[in-house]
Protein backbone atom coordinates (compact mmCIF):
# COMPACT_ATOMS: atom_id res chain seq x y z
CA MET A 1 17.61 16.54 -17.79
CA ALA A 2 13.95 17.16 -17.56
CA TYR A 3 11.77 14.16 -17.10
CA SER A 4 8.66 13.06 -15.17
CA ILE A 5 8.10 10.24 -12.63
CA THR A 6 4.37 9.57 -12.88
CA LEU A 7 2.13 8.25 -10.00
CA GLY A 8 -0.81 6.00 -9.81
CA ALA A 9 -2.50 4.38 -6.73
CA GLU A 10 -4.86 1.82 -5.70
CA GLU A 11 -6.57 1.47 -2.31
CA GLU A 12 -8.70 -1.43 -1.01
CA LEU A 13 -11.59 -0.16 1.24
CA GLN A 14 -13.49 -2.10 3.92
CA VAL A 15 -17.14 -2.22 3.89
CA VAL A 16 -18.97 -2.51 7.20
CA ASP A 17 -22.43 -2.65 8.47
CA GLN A 18 -23.77 0.70 9.78
CA SER A 19 -24.91 -0.70 13.16
CA THR A 20 -22.73 -3.60 13.96
CA LEU A 21 -19.56 -2.31 12.14
CA GLU A 22 -18.87 -6.00 10.95
CA LEU A 23 -17.41 -6.47 7.57
CA VAL A 24 -20.55 -7.20 5.25
CA PRO A 25 -20.91 -8.04 1.56
CA HIS A 26 -21.41 -4.90 -0.65
CA ASP A 27 -23.28 -4.95 -3.97
CA PHE A 28 -20.65 -3.54 -6.11
CA GLU A 29 -22.59 -3.40 -9.48
CA ARG A 30 -25.52 -1.66 -7.80
CA GLY A 31 -23.35 0.81 -6.19
CA LYS A 32 -21.48 1.59 -9.29
CA ARG A 33 -24.76 2.14 -11.17
CA GLU A 34 -26.17 4.54 -8.65
CA PHE A 35 -23.03 6.56 -8.05
CA PRO A 36 -20.67 6.38 -11.01
CA ASP A 37 -16.83 6.79 -10.56
CA GLN A 38 -15.45 10.28 -10.51
CA ASN A 39 -11.65 11.32 -10.94
CA GLY A 40 -10.77 7.58 -10.64
CA SER A 41 -12.22 4.24 -11.11
CA SER A 42 -13.35 1.23 -8.92
CA SER A 43 -13.56 -2.57 -8.91
CA CYS A 44 -14.69 -5.43 -6.77
CA GLU A 45 -12.25 -7.94 -5.45
CA LEU A 46 -12.14 -11.43 -4.09
CA HIS A 47 -14.13 -10.85 -0.94
CA LYS A 48 -17.48 -8.90 -1.10
CA ALA A 49 -16.62 -6.66 1.83
CA VAL A 50 -13.87 -5.07 -0.40
CA VAL A 51 -14.14 -2.15 -2.92
CA GLU A 52 -10.88 -1.06 -4.62
CA LEU A 53 -10.42 2.37 -5.94
CA GLN A 54 -7.82 3.35 -8.60
CA THR A 55 -6.60 6.82 -9.42
CA PRO A 56 -5.85 7.98 -12.85
CA ILE A 57 -2.27 8.59 -13.93
CA CYS A 58 -0.96 11.62 -11.83
CA GLN A 59 1.99 13.95 -11.90
CA THR A 60 2.07 14.77 -8.29
CA PRO A 61 1.03 13.53 -4.71
CA ASP A 62 -1.54 16.20 -4.56
CA GLN A 63 -3.27 14.77 -7.51
CA ILE A 64 -3.23 11.33 -5.88
CA VAL A 65 -4.82 12.66 -2.78
CA ASP A 66 -7.54 14.46 -4.74
CA SER A 67 -8.44 11.35 -6.59
CA VAL A 68 -8.53 9.10 -3.43
CA LEU A 69 -10.47 11.75 -1.61
CA CYS A 70 -13.00 11.92 -4.49
CA MET A 71 -13.32 8.14 -4.90
CA ARG A 72 -13.64 7.55 -1.22
CA GLU A 73 -16.63 9.90 -1.17
CA VAL A 74 -18.11 8.11 -4.12
CA ILE A 75 -17.67 4.67 -2.40
CA ARG A 76 -19.05 6.12 0.92
CA GLN A 77 -22.23 7.28 -0.88
CA ARG A 78 -22.63 3.79 -2.30
CA ALA A 79 -22.20 2.11 1.05
CA ASP A 80 -24.56 4.58 2.77
CA ALA A 81 -27.31 3.63 0.13
CA GLN A 82 -26.93 0.11 1.15
CA GLY A 83 -26.96 0.68 5.08
CA GLN A 84 -23.08 0.48 5.23
CA LYS A 85 -20.03 2.48 5.99
CA VAL A 86 -16.34 2.33 4.61
CA LEU A 87 -13.02 2.54 6.16
CA SER A 88 -9.36 2.19 5.39
CA ALA A 89 -7.08 -0.17 7.29
CA GLY A 90 -4.90 -3.09 6.74
CA ALA A 91 -7.29 -5.45 8.52
CA HIS A 92 -10.58 -5.28 10.28
CA PRO A 93 -10.04 -5.41 14.00
CA PHE A 94 -12.66 -7.98 14.96
CA SER A 95 -14.56 -9.57 12.10
CA ASP A 96 -14.27 -13.33 11.35
CA TRP A 97 -12.74 -14.30 8.00
CA LYS A 98 -14.84 -17.36 7.81
CA GLN A 99 -18.03 -15.32 7.74
CA GLN A 100 -16.97 -13.29 4.60
CA GLU A 101 -18.62 -13.88 1.32
CA ILE A 102 -16.60 -14.35 -1.88
CA ASN A 103 -17.36 -13.38 -5.43
CA ARG A 104 -18.16 -16.67 -7.21
CA ASP A 105 -20.15 -15.82 -10.29
CA GLN A 106 -18.58 -18.07 -13.05
CA SER A 107 -19.41 -15.53 -15.92
CA LYS A 108 -17.54 -12.72 -13.99
CA HIS A 109 -15.07 -13.93 -11.42
CA GLN A 110 -13.25 -16.83 -12.87
CA HIS A 111 -9.90 -15.57 -11.66
CA TYR A 112 -11.18 -15.40 -8.03
CA ILE A 113 -12.78 -18.91 -8.35
CA ARG A 114 -9.29 -20.23 -9.53
CA LEU A 115 -7.57 -18.49 -6.63
CA ILE A 116 -9.77 -20.31 -4.06
CA ASP A 117 -9.27 -23.56 -5.86
CA GLU A 118 -5.53 -23.21 -5.74
CA TYR A 119 -4.88 -21.67 -2.39
CA ALA A 120 -8.06 -22.87 -0.52
CA ASP A 121 -8.35 -21.41 3.08
CA ILE A 122 -5.20 -19.47 2.71
CA MET A 123 -7.05 -17.29 0.14
CA ARG A 124 -10.39 -17.39 1.77
CA GLY A 125 -8.64 -16.02 4.92
CA MET A 126 -6.79 -13.35 3.14
CA VAL A 127 -9.32 -10.57 4.32
CA SER A 128 -6.63 -7.89 4.09
CA TYR A 129 -6.41 -4.28 2.56
CA GLY A 130 -3.65 -2.61 0.97
CA PHE A 131 -2.37 0.53 -0.69
CA HIS A 132 -0.37 0.17 -3.93
CA VAL A 133 1.62 2.94 -5.67
CA HIS A 134 2.59 2.75 -9.38
CA LEU A 135 5.57 4.72 -10.54
CA GLY A 136 6.12 5.48 -14.30
CA LEU A 137 9.68 5.90 -15.45
CA PRO A 138 11.33 7.55 -18.60
CA ALA A 139 11.49 5.33 -21.65
CA ASP A 140 15.29 5.09 -21.75
CA VAL A 141 15.69 3.95 -18.17
CA SER A 142 16.37 0.35 -17.20
CA ARG A 143 13.37 -0.53 -14.94
CA ILE A 144 15.02 -3.55 -13.43
CA ALA A 145 17.89 -1.43 -12.42
CA ILE A 146 15.68 1.04 -10.48
CA PHE A 147 13.50 -1.92 -9.20
CA ASN A 148 16.66 -3.65 -7.59
CA ARG A 149 17.50 -0.41 -5.76
CA LEU A 150 13.86 0.68 -4.97
CA ARG A 151 13.54 -2.39 -2.88
CA HIS A 152 15.81 -0.66 -0.18
CA SER A 153 12.85 1.78 0.52
CA LEU A 154 10.21 -0.68 1.10
CA ALA A 155 10.46 -1.08 4.81
CA ALA A 156 10.27 2.67 5.35
CA VAL A 157 7.21 3.27 3.44
CA LEU A 158 5.59 0.33 5.16
CA ALA A 159 6.24 2.17 8.32
CA ILE A 160 4.14 4.99 7.30
CA SER A 161 1.23 2.90 6.47
CA LEU A 162 1.07 0.38 9.41
CA SER A 163 -2.56 -0.12 10.34
CA SER A 164 -3.41 -3.56 11.33
CA PRO A 165 -2.42 -4.32 14.69
CA PHE A 166 -5.76 -5.88 15.75
CA TYR A 167 -7.33 -9.08 14.11
CA GLU A 168 -10.35 -11.08 15.17
CA GLY A 169 -10.66 -9.41 18.39
CA ARG A 170 -7.13 -9.49 19.76
CA ASP A 171 -3.95 -7.37 19.60
CA THR A 172 -1.64 -9.40 17.52
CA GLY A 173 1.52 -7.86 18.96
CA VAL A 174 2.81 -6.58 15.55
CA LEU A 175 1.56 -3.37 13.66
CA SER A 176 0.98 -4.97 10.38
CA TRP A 177 -0.87 -8.31 10.76
CA ARG A 178 -1.83 -7.93 7.11
CA HIS A 179 1.66 -9.29 6.14
CA SER A 180 1.24 -12.20 8.39
CA MET A 181 -1.67 -13.21 6.06
CA LEU A 182 0.18 -12.23 2.87
CA ASP A 183 3.18 -14.40 3.81
CA ARG A 184 1.16 -17.60 3.76
CA LEU A 185 0.98 -17.24 -0.07
CA PRO A 186 3.91 -18.13 -2.40
CA ARG A 187 5.54 -15.41 -4.38
CA MET A 188 5.18 -12.82 -1.62
CA GLY A 189 7.44 -10.65 0.40
CA THR A 190 10.59 -8.80 -0.63
CA PRO A 191 11.65 -9.67 -4.29
CA ASP A 192 14.89 -10.97 -5.32
CA ILE A 193 17.58 -9.00 -7.26
CA TRP A 194 17.09 -9.47 -10.97
CA GLN A 195 20.08 -9.21 -13.50
CA SER A 196 17.87 -7.88 -16.27
CA GLN A 197 14.31 -7.26 -17.17
CA ALA A 198 14.39 -10.06 -19.75
CA ASP A 199 15.26 -12.50 -16.89
CA TYR A 200 12.44 -11.17 -14.64
CA GLU A 201 9.76 -11.42 -17.64
CA ASN A 202 11.23 -14.85 -18.69
CA HIS A 203 10.51 -16.15 -15.13
CA ILE A 204 6.99 -14.91 -15.21
CA GLN A 205 6.52 -16.52 -18.62
CA LEU A 206 7.77 -19.82 -17.17
CA LEU A 207 5.43 -19.63 -14.24
CA ARG A 208 2.56 -19.10 -16.61
CA LYS A 209 3.80 -22.02 -18.76
CA MET A 210 3.89 -24.30 -15.68
CA GLY A 211 0.25 -23.23 -14.74
CA THR A 212 1.40 -21.31 -11.53
CA LEU A 213 0.43 -17.90 -12.89
CA GLU A 214 -2.69 -17.18 -15.15
CA ALA A 215 -2.07 -15.36 -18.43
CA GLN A 216 -2.10 -11.54 -17.90
CA HIS A 217 -1.34 -11.90 -14.26
CA GLY A 218 1.99 -11.21 -12.61
CA MET A 219 3.94 -11.55 -9.18
CA TRP A 220 2.43 -10.66 -5.84
CA GLU A 221 5.63 -9.43 -4.07
CA ASP A 222 6.11 -6.14 -2.08
CA LEU A 223 7.40 -4.58 -5.42
CA ARG A 224 6.83 -5.84 -8.93
CA LEU A 225 7.38 -4.76 -12.43
CA HIS A 226 3.91 -4.59 -13.59
CA HIS A 227 2.97 -7.03 -16.22
CA VAL A 228 0.76 -4.88 -18.24
CA TYR A 229 1.55 -1.21 -17.28
CA GLY A 230 5.41 -1.46 -17.21
CA THR A 231 5.41 0.47 -13.95
CA LEU A 232 7.10 -0.17 -10.82
CA GLU A 233 4.36 -1.14 -8.36
CA VAL A 234 4.97 -0.70 -4.63
CA ARG A 235 2.55 -3.20 -3.01
CA ILE A 236 3.96 -3.27 0.53
CA CYS A 237 1.76 -0.63 2.23
CA ASP A 238 -1.17 -1.34 4.46
CA ALA A 239 -4.32 0.67 3.46
CA THR A 240 -4.29 3.56 5.87
CA PRO A 241 -7.15 6.07 6.65
CA SER A 242 -4.68 9.14 6.73
CA LEU A 243 -4.65 11.19 3.51
CA SER A 244 -1.52 12.89 4.84
CA HIS A 245 0.25 9.47 5.21
CA ILE A 246 -0.90 8.67 1.66
CA TRP A 247 0.63 11.93 0.37
CA LEU A 248 3.79 11.21 2.24
CA ILE A 249 4.24 7.66 0.86
CA CYS A 250 3.66 8.88 -2.72
CA ALA A 251 5.95 11.99 -2.19
CA LEU A 252 8.73 9.85 -0.82
CA LEU A 253 8.58 7.29 -3.53
CA GLN A 254 8.51 9.75 -6.29
CA CYS A 255 11.43 11.55 -4.99
CA GLU A 256 13.33 8.29 -4.42
CA VAL A 257 12.57 7.13 -7.93
CA HIS A 258 13.68 10.50 -9.31
CA THR A 259 16.87 10.31 -7.30
CA LEU A 260 17.59 6.59 -8.54
CA VAL A 261 17.00 7.68 -12.13
CA ASP A 262 19.46 10.58 -11.64
CA GLU A 263 21.88 8.05 -10.36
CA TYR A 264 21.20 5.72 -13.15
CA TYR A 265 21.98 8.41 -15.69
CA ASN A 266 25.27 9.16 -13.83
CA ASP A 267 26.10 5.53 -13.49
CA CYS A 268 26.33 5.57 -9.75
CA LEU A 269 23.50 3.50 -8.45
CA PRO A 270 24.03 1.89 -5.20
CA THR A 271 24.67 -1.88 -4.95
CA PRO A 272 21.43 -3.73 -4.20
CA LEU A 273 20.97 -5.40 -0.93
CA SER A 274 20.02 -9.05 -0.55
CA ARG A 275 16.50 -10.25 0.12
CA ALA A 276 17.62 -11.44 3.38
CA CYS A 277 18.97 -8.14 4.62
CA LEU A 278 15.81 -6.35 3.62
CA GLU A 279 13.43 -8.82 5.02
CA GLU A 280 15.17 -8.20 8.35
CA ASN A 281 14.36 -4.60 8.37
CA LYS A 282 10.80 -5.21 7.09
CA TRP A 283 10.24 -7.44 10.23
CA ARG A 284 11.57 -4.76 12.52
CA VAL A 285 9.22 -2.28 11.03
CA ARG A 286 6.26 -4.73 11.32
CA ARG A 287 7.11 -5.40 14.93
CA ARG A 288 8.06 -2.03 16.27
CA GLY A 289 6.92 0.57 13.70
CA LEU A 290 8.46 4.10 14.13
CA ALA A 291 10.19 2.76 17.41
CA ALA A 292 12.23 0.26 15.34
CA SER A 293 15.91 0.46 14.80
CA LEU A 294 16.94 -0.36 10.98
CA VAL A 295 20.02 -2.09 10.21
CA ASP A 296 22.63 -0.01 8.19
CA TRP A 297 24.09 -3.06 6.28
CA LYS A 298 26.93 -0.99 4.91
CA SER A 299 28.25 0.09 8.25
CA GLU A 300 26.80 -2.96 10.14
CA THR A 301 25.16 -0.52 12.61
CA GLN A 302 21.63 -0.12 13.93
CA MET A 303 19.86 3.21 13.29
CA PRO A 304 16.66 4.64 15.00
CA MET A 305 13.98 5.18 12.50
CA ARG A 306 13.85 9.02 12.97
CA THR A 307 17.62 9.10 12.09
CA TYR A 308 16.84 6.92 8.94
CA PHE A 309 14.23 9.35 7.86
CA GLN A 310 16.46 12.33 8.36
CA GLN A 311 19.26 10.76 6.40
CA TRP A 312 16.80 9.61 3.72
CA LEU A 313 15.30 13.29 3.56
CA GLU A 314 18.90 14.63 3.08
CA ARG A 315 19.50 12.15 0.06
CA LEU A 316 16.06 13.15 -1.56
CA MET A 317 16.44 16.87 -1.14
CA PRO A 318 17.76 17.64 -4.61
CA ALA A 319 14.79 15.77 -6.21
CA ALA A 320 12.27 17.10 -3.56
CA LYS A 321 13.37 20.82 -4.49
CA GLU A 322 13.15 20.05 -8.24
CA LEU A 323 9.65 18.60 -7.79
CA GLY A 324 8.53 21.37 -5.45
CA LEU A 325 7.99 19.00 -2.51
CA ALA A 326 10.88 19.87 -0.12
CA HIS A 327 9.14 22.04 2.44
CA ALA A 328 6.00 19.92 2.56
CA LEU A 329 8.06 16.63 2.86
CA LYS A 330 10.04 17.94 5.82
CA SER A 331 6.85 19.00 7.40
CA ARG A 332 4.98 15.83 6.81
CA VAL A 333 7.80 13.60 8.14
CA ASP A 334 7.93 15.81 11.36
CA GLU A 335 4.20 15.28 11.78
CA LEU A 336 4.60 11.62 11.17
CA PHE A 337 6.96 11.15 14.17
CA SER A 338 4.98 13.49 16.51
CA SER A 339 1.44 11.93 15.77
CA GLY A 340 2.36 8.33 14.87
CA VAL A 341 0.92 5.98 12.30
CA SER A 342 -2.69 4.53 12.34
CA ALA A 343 -1.62 1.32 14.25
CA ASP A 344 -0.29 3.58 17.21
CA VAL A 345 -3.39 5.69 17.22
CA GLN A 346 -5.55 2.49 17.14
CA ARG A 347 -3.75 1.06 20.15
CA GLY A 348 -4.19 4.27 21.88
CA ILE A 349 -7.96 4.37 21.51
CA PHE A 350 -8.25 0.69 22.57
CA SER A 351 -6.26 1.17 25.63
CA GLN A 352 -8.68 3.87 26.67
CA THR A 353 -12.04 2.39 25.53
CA HIS A 354 -11.35 -1.42 25.50
CA ASN A 355 -14.06 -1.44 22.79
CA TYR A 356 -13.63 -2.71 19.31
CA HIS A 357 -16.80 -0.84 17.97
CA ASP A 358 -15.33 2.42 19.10
CA LEU A 359 -11.97 1.49 17.33
CA VAL A 360 -13.83 0.72 14.05
CA GLN A 361 -15.88 3.89 14.25
CA HIS A 362 -12.73 5.91 14.56
CA LEU A 363 -11.35 4.21 11.50
CA VAL A 364 -14.69 5.14 9.69
CA ASP A 365 -14.37 8.78 10.91
CA ALA A 366 -10.69 9.09 9.99
CA THR A 367 -11.21 7.71 6.61
CA GLY A 368 -13.92 10.22 5.90
CA GLN A 369 -11.88 13.21 6.98
CA THR A 370 -11.29 16.09 4.58
CA TYR A 371 -7.74 17.25 3.59
CA ILE A 372 -5.79 20.35 3.32
CA HIS A 373 -2.78 20.16 0.96
CA PRO A 374 0.62 21.11 2.46
CA SER A 375 1.09 23.74 -0.24
CA ARG A 376 -2.15 25.40 0.81
CA ARG A 377 -1.23 25.56 4.44
CA MET A 378 1.37 28.22 3.94
């Protein structure tokens, strides 16, 4: 059966001063006037030191990377015109959250003002940066059935994106401090198993009725059924400077959803794991990254991350071949384990320099790097 799993992505970029490399407020509206969006779109966020880019609907991971690369350059030009630089990482290594300005214009940012009113310092301190992937499914497929099983892959894609080991001038001891910030809020983390899409949507409507959620807003968890687009939105990943890792995250998720849809059509979807089991593996990834051992809950054994990825690739190969991603997928997984993730690289740099400015400059440089598509290397 021929069908398409579409992709879309959002990336939150940090804006820093060119000299101090501290987070600084960015004039988003001025920047967008001077340098319009190209091959994507952009928006401001709660904190003024954030610019979010959005890709268009894409068919392939290559198209996602092309859009991210183009929009990063547009936002870099905006920042440069304001004496600033941009970088991608889950958290800034040394800036103080208490110094960050918030968008408070009553006529434009009522949503942000409400969030501050409701969550106070928890929200003011949420100076974190994520990378989200949207996956569009065929119309005749139960989104909640795929949702329940896609939860199993969340810890592994988080492992690829890990990029926030430092925060406010210290090594936090974990590779994603961003999730330590997010977990302070309600309706975060691994989602529950839902029996039907109607149950999921009714719960959201109840939260809106009780005043917990605003109209036209949804859940904040690591995976959600998007309340407007109807996509499955994977929200677990840190923002990462590596376009290669962005490609790999999108490729793995597209192949996984393609595989799950095949299993749905053949009535052989795996039994969904509990939230408690999945949270255990998420913590192991946050703490140890690619050096973690994940729990295989079916066999009740521990599995090194490399073994997990090898077995995952075997599962995904039929879909990867159908999508033309098989060779590049294997190559990028090998590169992942040979070079490490951004958090590993950051720690390596800091162990040599003991200088946070050098670390942030590395992130600026890594975010600005060009990219060669896997298919064009051959």
